[in-house]
Amino acid sequence: MPFLPLLLGLAPTVASWILGDKTGAAVSKVTGIARDILGTDSADGIERAIAADPNLALQFRMTVIQAEADARRQEFDTLQAQLADVQSARNQTVELAKSGSAIAWGAPIISTIITVGFFVMLYLVIRKEIPDGSRELANIMLGSLGASFTAVISYWVGSSAGSASKDATLRAAVTGKGG
């Protein structure tokens, strides 16, 4: 991407958007914008088009910045949906417990099994000699239990205050009113 430094110079606010994008989708998006607005996606062509027409350069810059804002807004909406899903699960557990339902014990029991399983597996992998043919399976199990343990921690410890703080930070980033 020979024109990446040029694009970063044109719109510094998208630097983190592009550099943080491991899939290349942001670069593809900016390339498409250049092609649509400037009629080219080569570095030399972009430089010539921008030098020739300041209004076109401004339109290009504003479109790139809007695309970055849209991407951040989409990330924010996705995170909000994930947080709402976690909150909904917590509320369901609370309501089941209030009603005296045996189902309310489901989340605590599963959480306990996963937590105990994770620490037992961690102990075995660190402290015990695992036969050669079983090492890979033990590591896979530890990894799976570790991911599940992370979900358990998120479910039980992830605070509403922390979620609200993340919401406020993301909202400020999307609206550009961070501080």
C-alpha atoms as a PDB file:
ATOM      1  CA  MET A   1       0.000   0.000   0.000  1.00  0.00           C
ATOM      2  CA  PRO A   2       2.333   2.766  -1.169  1.00  0.00           C
ATOM      3  CA  PHE A   3      -0.240   5.498  -0.590  1.00  0.00           C
ATOM      4  CA  LEU A   4      -0.895   4.597   3.071  1.00  0.00           C
ATOM      5  CA  PRO A   5       1.446   7.331   4.427  1.00  0.00           C
ATOM      6  CA  LEU A   6      -0.301   9.863   2.200  1.00  0.00           C
ATOM      7  CA  LEU A   7      -3.715   8.819   3.482  1.00  0.00           C
ATOM      8  CA  LEU A   8      -2.525   8.987   7.075  1.00  0.00           C
ATOM      9  CA  GLY A   9      -1.199  12.496   6.412  1.00  0.00           C
ATOM     10  CA  LEU A  10      -4.499  13.547   4.863  1.00  0.00           C
ATOM     11  CA  ALA A  11      -6.647  12.286   7.678  1.00  0.00           C
ATOM     12  CA  PRO A  12      -4.663  11.758  10.898  1.00  0.00           C
ATOM     13  CA  THR A  13      -7.784  10.747  12.798  1.00  0.00           C
ATOM     14  CA  VAL A  14      -8.030   7.565  10.753  1.00  0.00           C
ATOM     15  CA  ALA A  15      -4.485   6.440  11.560  1.00  0.00           C
ATOM     16  CA  SER A  16      -5.617   4.256  14.434  1.00  0.00           C
ATOM     17  CA  TRP A  17      -8.534   2.994  12.373  1.00  0.00           C
ATOM     18  CA  ILE A  18      -6.283   1.830   9.565  1.00  0.00           C
ATOM     19  CA  LEU A  19      -3.361   0.655  11.687  1.00  0.00           C
ATOM     20  CA  GLY A  20      -5.646  -1.195  14.064  1.00  0.00           C
ATOM     21  CA  ASP A  21      -7.370  -3.032  11.229  1.00  0.00           C
ATOM     22  CA  LYS A  22      -5.723  -6.415  10.843  1.00  0.00           C
ATOM     23  CA  THR A  23      -7.990  -7.563   8.008  1.00  0.00           C
ATOM     24  CA  GLY A  24      -7.211  -4.758   5.605  1.00  0.00           C
ATOM     25  CA  ALA A  25     -10.871  -3.777   5.368  1.00  0.00           C
ATOM     26  CA  ALA A  26     -10.093  -0.168   6.285  1.00  0.00           C
ATOM     27  CA  VAL A  27      -7.411   0.105   3.613  1.00  0.00           C
ATOM     28  CA  SER A  28      -9.820  -1.362   1.072  1.00  0.00           C
ATOM     29  CA  LYS A  29     -12.481   1.122   2.150  1.00  0.00           C
ATOM     30  CA  VAL A  30     -10.107   4.096   1.777  1.00  0.00           C
ATOM     31  CA  THR A  31      -8.946   2.780  -1.595  1.00  0.00           C
ATOM     32  CA  GLY A  32     -12.562   2.576  -2.738  1.00  0.00           C
ATOM     33  CA  ILE A  33     -13.222   6.109  -1.536  1.00  0.00           C
ATOM     34  CA  ALA A  34     -10.177   7.367  -3.448  1.00  0.00           C
ATOM     35  CA  ARG A  35     -11.339   5.573  -6.577  1.00  0.00           C
ATOM     36  CA  ASP A  36     -14.886   6.966  -6.267  1.00  0.00           C
ATOM     37  CA  ILE A  37     -13.993  10.568  -5.435  1.00  0.00           C
ATOM     38  CA  LEU A  38     -10.595  11.072  -7.025  1.00  0.00           C
ATOM     39  CA  GLY A  39     -10.921   8.636  -9.902  1.00  0.00           C
ATOM     40  CA  THR A  40      -7.748   6.788  -8.918  1.00  0.00           C
ATOM     41  CA  ASP A  41      -6.388   4.550  -6.199  1.00  0.00           C
ATOM     42  CA  SER A  42      -2.674   4.857  -6.957  1.00  0.00           C
ATOM     43  CA  ALA A  43      -0.468   6.969  -4.697  1.00  0.00           C
ATOM     44  CA  ASP A  44       0.710   9.197  -7.570  1.00  0.00           C
ATOM     45  CA  GLY A  45      -2.819   9.633  -8.893  1.00  0.00           C
ATOM     46  CA  ILE A  46      -4.120  10.564  -5.453  1.00  0.00           C
ATOM     47  CA  GLU A  47      -1.349  13.137  -4.983  1.00  0.00           C
ATOM     48  CA  ARG A  48      -2.025  14.684  -8.391  1.00  0.00           C
ATOM     49  CA  ALA A  49      -5.802  14.787  -7.861  1.00  0.00           C
ATOM     50  CA  ILE A  50      -5.452  16.386  -4.435  1.00  0.00           C
ATOM     51  CA  ALA A  51      -2.917  18.949  -5.645  1.00  0.00           C
ATOM     52  CA  ALA A  52      -5.094  19.846  -8.616  1.00  0.00           C
ATOM     53  CA  ASP A  53      -8.351  20.413  -6.738  1.00  0.00           C
ATOM     54  CA  PRO A  54      -8.469  21.486  -3.051  1.00  0.00           C
ATOM     55  CA  ASN A  55     -12.249  21.010  -2.965  1.00  0.00           C
ATOM     56  CA  LEU A  56     -11.857  17.433  -4.152  1.00  0.00           C
ATOM     57  CA  ALA A  57      -9.132  16.928  -1.536  1.00  0.00           C
ATOM     58  CA  LEU A  58     -11.482  18.208   1.171  1.00  0.00           C
ATOM     59  CA  GLN A  59     -14.303  15.965  -0.057  1.00  0.00           C
ATOM     60  CA  PHE A  60     -11.943  12.979   0.003  1.00  0.00           C
ATOM     61  CA  ARG A  61     -10.702  13.811   3.503  1.00  0.00           C
ATOM     62  CA  MET A  62     -14.246  14.284   4.855  1.00  0.00           C
ATOM     63  CA  THR A  63     -15.460  11.023   3.301  1.00  0.00           C
ATOM     64  CA  VAL A  64     -12.548   9.088   4.814  1.00  0.00           C
ATOM     65  CA  ILE A  65     -13.221  10.628   8.234  1.00  0.00           C
ATOM     66  CA  GLN A  66     -16.950   9.811   7.929  1.00  0.00           C
ATOM     67  CA  ALA A  67     -16.112   6.195   7.027  1.00  0.00           C
ATOM     68  CA  GLU A  68     -13.896   5.971  10.118  1.00  0.00           C
ATOM     69  CA  ALA A  69     -16.677   7.413  12.284  1.00  0.00           C
ATOM     70  CA  ASP A  70     -19.151   4.925  10.827  1.00  0.00           C
ATOM     71  CA  ALA A  71     -16.788   2.039  11.596  1.00  0.00           C
ATOM     72  CA  ARG A  72     -16.372   3.229  15.195  1.00  0.00           C
ATOM     73  CA  ARG A  73     -20.143   3.640  15.543  1.00  0.00           C
ATOM     74  CA  GLN A  74     -20.614   0.068  14.341  1.00  0.00           C
ATOM     75  CA  GLU A  75     -18.024  -1.173  16.864  1.00  0.00           C
ATOM     76  CA  PHE A  76     -19.810   0.788  19.580  1.00  0.00           C
ATOM     77  CA  ASP A  77     -23.193  -0.690  18.633  1.00  0.00           C
ATOM     78  CA  THR A  78     -21.724  -4.206  18.661  1.00  0.00           C
ATOM     79  CA  LEU A  79     -20.183  -3.678  22.091  1.00  0.00           C
ATOM     80  CA  GLN A  80     -23.442  -2.235  23.397  1.00  0.00           C
ATOM     81  CA  ALA A  81     -25.325  -5.300  22.155  1.00  0.00           C
ATOM     82  CA  GLN A  82     -22.799  -7.606  23.839  1.00  0.00           C
ATOM     83  CA  LEU A  83     -23.093  -5.697  27.123  1.00  0.00           C
ATOM     84  CA  ALA A  84     -26.892  -5.790  26.904  1.00  0.00           C
ATOM     85  CA  ASP A  85     -26.718  -9.550  26.355  1.00  0.00           C
ATOM     86  CA  VAL A  86     -24.589 -10.005  29.485  1.00  0.00           C
ATOM     87  CA  GLN A  87     -26.901  -7.752  31.490  1.00  0.00           C
ATOM     88  CA  SER A  88     -29.924  -9.692  30.244  1.00  0.00           C
ATOM     89  CA  ALA A  89     -28.361 -12.970  31.399  1.00  0.00           C
ATOM     90  CA  ARG A  90     -27.662 -11.483  34.822  1.00  0.00           C
ATOM     91  CA  ASN A  91     -31.205 -10.147  35.101  1.00  0.00           C
ATOM     92  CA  GLN A  92     -32.616 -13.526  34.115  1.00  0.00           C
ATOM     93  CA  THR A  93     -30.595 -15.240  36.849  1.00  0.00           C
ATOM     94  CA  VAL A  94     -31.775 -12.698  39.426  1.00  0.00           C
ATOM     95  CA  GLU A  95     -35.424 -13.100  38.387  1.00  0.00           C
ATOM     96  CA  LEU A  96     -35.176 -16.899  38.490  1.00  0.00           C
ATOM     97  CA  ALA A  97     -33.637 -16.718  41.971  1.00  0.00           C
ATOM     98  CA  LYS A  98     -36.379 -14.344  43.166  1.00  0.00           C
ATOM     99  CA  SER A  99     -39.039 -16.740  41.961  1.00  0.00           C
ATOM    100  CA  GLY A 100     -37.357 -19.681  43.705  1.00  0.00           C
ATOM    101  CA  SER A 101     -36.762 -21.549  40.443  1.00  0.00           C
ATOM    102  CA  ALA A 102     -34.255 -24.407  40.482  1.00  0.00           C
ATOM    103  CA  ILE A 103     -33.057 -23.178  37.079  1.00  0.00           C
ATOM    104  CA  ALA A 104     -31.482 -20.223  38.894  1.00  0.00           C
ATOM    105  CA  TRP A 105     -28.790 -22.646  40.090  1.00  0.00           C
ATOM    106  CA  GLY A 106     -27.749 -23.400  36.477  1.00  0.00           C
ATOM    107  CA  ALA A 107     -25.344 -20.486  36.037  1.00  0.00           C
ATOM    108  CA  PRO A 108     -23.688 -20.871  39.452  1.00  0.00           C
ATOM    109  CA  ILE A 109     -23.248 -24.630  38.999  1.00  0.00           C
ATOM    110  CA  ILE A 110     -21.813 -24.325  35.478  1.00  0.00           C
ATOM    111  CA  SER A 111     -19.589 -21.485  36.659  1.00  0.00           C
ATOM    112  CA  THR A 112     -18.301 -23.598  39.536  1.00  0.00           C
ATOM    113  CA  ILE A 113     -17.613 -26.595  37.277  1.00  0.00           C
ATOM    114  CA  ILE A 114     -15.713 -24.431  34.785  1.00  0.00           C
ATOM    115  CA  THR A 115     -13.718 -22.651  37.501  1.00  0.00           C
ATOM    116  CA  VAL A 116     -12.746 -25.860  39.294  1.00  0.00           C
ATOM    117  CA  GLY A 117     -11.998 -27.571  35.980  1.00  0.00           C
ATOM    118  CA  PHE A 118      -9.778 -24.697  34.844  1.00  0.00           C
ATOM    119  CA  PHE A 119      -7.697 -24.646  38.027  1.00  0.00           C
ATOM    120  CA  VAL A 120      -7.421 -28.441  38.187  1.00  0.00           C
ATOM    121  CA  MET A 121      -6.297 -28.547  34.558  1.00  0.00           C
ATOM    122  CA  LEU A 122      -3.874 -25.668  35.152  1.00  0.00           C
ATOM    123  CA  TYR A 123      -2.398 -27.524  38.137  1.00  0.00           C
ATOM    124  CA  LEU A 124      -2.035 -30.729  36.128  1.00  0.00           C
ATOM    125  CA  VAL A 125      -0.349 -29.018  33.190  1.00  0.00           C
ATOM    126  CA  ILE A 126       2.078 -27.094  35.419  1.00  0.00           C
ATOM    127  CA  ARG A 127       2.805 -29.595  38.195  1.00  0.00           C
ATOM    128  CA  LYS A 128       2.293 -33.083  36.787  1.00  0.00           C
ATOM    129  CA  GLU A 129       4.132 -35.001  34.096  1.00  0.00           C
ATOM    130  CA  ILE A 130       1.721 -35.482  31.234  1.00  0.00           C
ATOM    131  CA  PRO A 131       2.426 -38.399  28.876  1.00  0.00           C
ATOM    132  CA  ASP A 132       3.723 -37.372  25.431  1.00  0.00           C
ATOM    133  CA  GLY A 133       0.593 -38.567  23.634  1.00  0.00           C
ATOM    134  CA  SER A 134      -1.678 -36.498  25.907  1.00  0.00           C
ATOM    135  CA  ARG A 135       0.169 -33.154  26.110  1.00  0.00           C
ATOM    136  CA  GLU A 136      -1.547 -31.638  23.120  1.00  0.00           C
ATOM    137  CA  LEU A 137      -4.982 -32.686  24.374  1.00  0.00           C
ATOM    138  CA  ALA A 138      -4.179 -31.316  27.849  1.00  0.00           C
ATOM    139  CA  ASN A 139      -3.155 -27.966  26.371  1.00  0.00           C
ATOM    140  CA  ILE A 140      -6.292 -27.822  24.232  1.00  0.00           C
ATOM    141  CA  MET A 141      -8.436 -28.566  27.274  1.00  0.00           C
ATOM    142  CA  LEU A 142      -6.606 -25.923  29.304  1.00  0.00           C
ATOM    143  CA  GLY A 143      -7.122 -23.360  26.522  1.00  0.00           C
ATOM    144  CA  SER A 144     -10.828 -24.172  26.233  1.00  0.00           C
ATOM    145  CA  LEU A 145     -11.317 -24.038  29.974  1.00  0.00           C
ATOM    146  CA  GLY A 146      -9.339 -20.777  30.104  1.00  0.00           C
ATOM    147  CA  ALA A 147     -11.658 -19.182  27.536  1.00  0.00           C
ATOM    148  CA  SER A 148     -14.683 -20.466  29.440  1.00  0.00           C
ATOM    149  CA  PHE A 149     -13.226 -19.227  32.724  1.00  0.00           C
ATOM    150  CA  THR A 150     -12.838 -15.773  31.148  1.00  0.00           C
ATOM    151  CA  ALA A 151     -16.523 -15.842  30.202  1.00  0.00           C
ATOM    152  CA  VAL A 152     -17.430 -16.855  33.769  1.00  0.00           C
ATOM    153  CA  ILE A 153     -15.425 -13.949  35.175  1.00  0.00           C
ATOM    154  CA  SER A 154     -17.068 -11.569  32.703  1.00  0.00           C
ATOM    155  CA  TYR A 155     -20.500 -12.842  33.698  1.00  0.00           C
ATOM    156  CA  TRP A 156     -20.017 -12.625  37.461  1.00  0.00           C
ATOM    157  CA  VAL A 157     -17.465  -9.839  37.949  1.00  0.00           C
ATOM    158  CA  GLY A 158     -18.042  -7.527  34.970  1.00  0.00           C
ATOM    159  CA  SER A 159     -19.637  -4.559  36.681  1.00  0.00           C
ATOM    160  CA  SER A 160     -22.428  -2.355  35.464  1.00  0.00           C
ATOM    161  CA  ALA A 161     -20.255   0.605  36.462  1.00  0.00           C
ATOM    162  CA  GLY A 162     -17.437  -0.713  34.271  1.00  0.00           C
ATOM    163  CA  SER A 163     -19.874  -1.213  31.425  1.00  0.00           C
ATOM    164  CA  ALA A 164     -21.176   2.315  31.835  1.00  0.00           C
ATOM    165  CA  SER A 165     -17.619   3.640  31.810  1.00  0.00           C
ATOM    166  CA  LYS A 166     -16.840   1.713  28.616  1.00  0.00           C
ATOM    167  CA  ASP A 167     -20.075   3.042  27.078  1.00  0.00           C
ATOM    168  CA  ALA A 168     -19.123   6.623  27.926  1.00  0.00           C
ATOM    169  CA  THR A 169     -15.584   6.199  26.578  1.00  0.00           C
ATOM    170  CA  LEU A 170     -16.808   4.669  23.329  1.00  0.00           C
ATOM    171  CA  ARG A 171     -19.545   7.255  22.952  1.00  0.00           C
ATOM    172  CA  ALA A 172     -16.952  10.040  23.371  1.00  0.00           C
ATOM    173  CA  ALA A 173     -14.711   8.383  20.772  1.00  0.00           C
ATOM    174  CA  VAL A 174     -17.560   8.048  18.283  1.00  0.00           C
ATOM    175  CA  THR A 175     -18.780  11.606  18.710  1.00  0.00           C
ATOM    176  CA  GLY A 176     -15.279  13.064  18.899  1.00  0.00           C
ATOM    177  CA  LYS A 177     -15.908  14.644  22.309  1.00  0.00           C
ATOM    178  CA  GLY A 178     -13.267  12.673  24.187  1.00  0.00           C
ATOM    179  CA  GLY A 179     -11.185  14.354  26.793  1.00  0.00           C
END
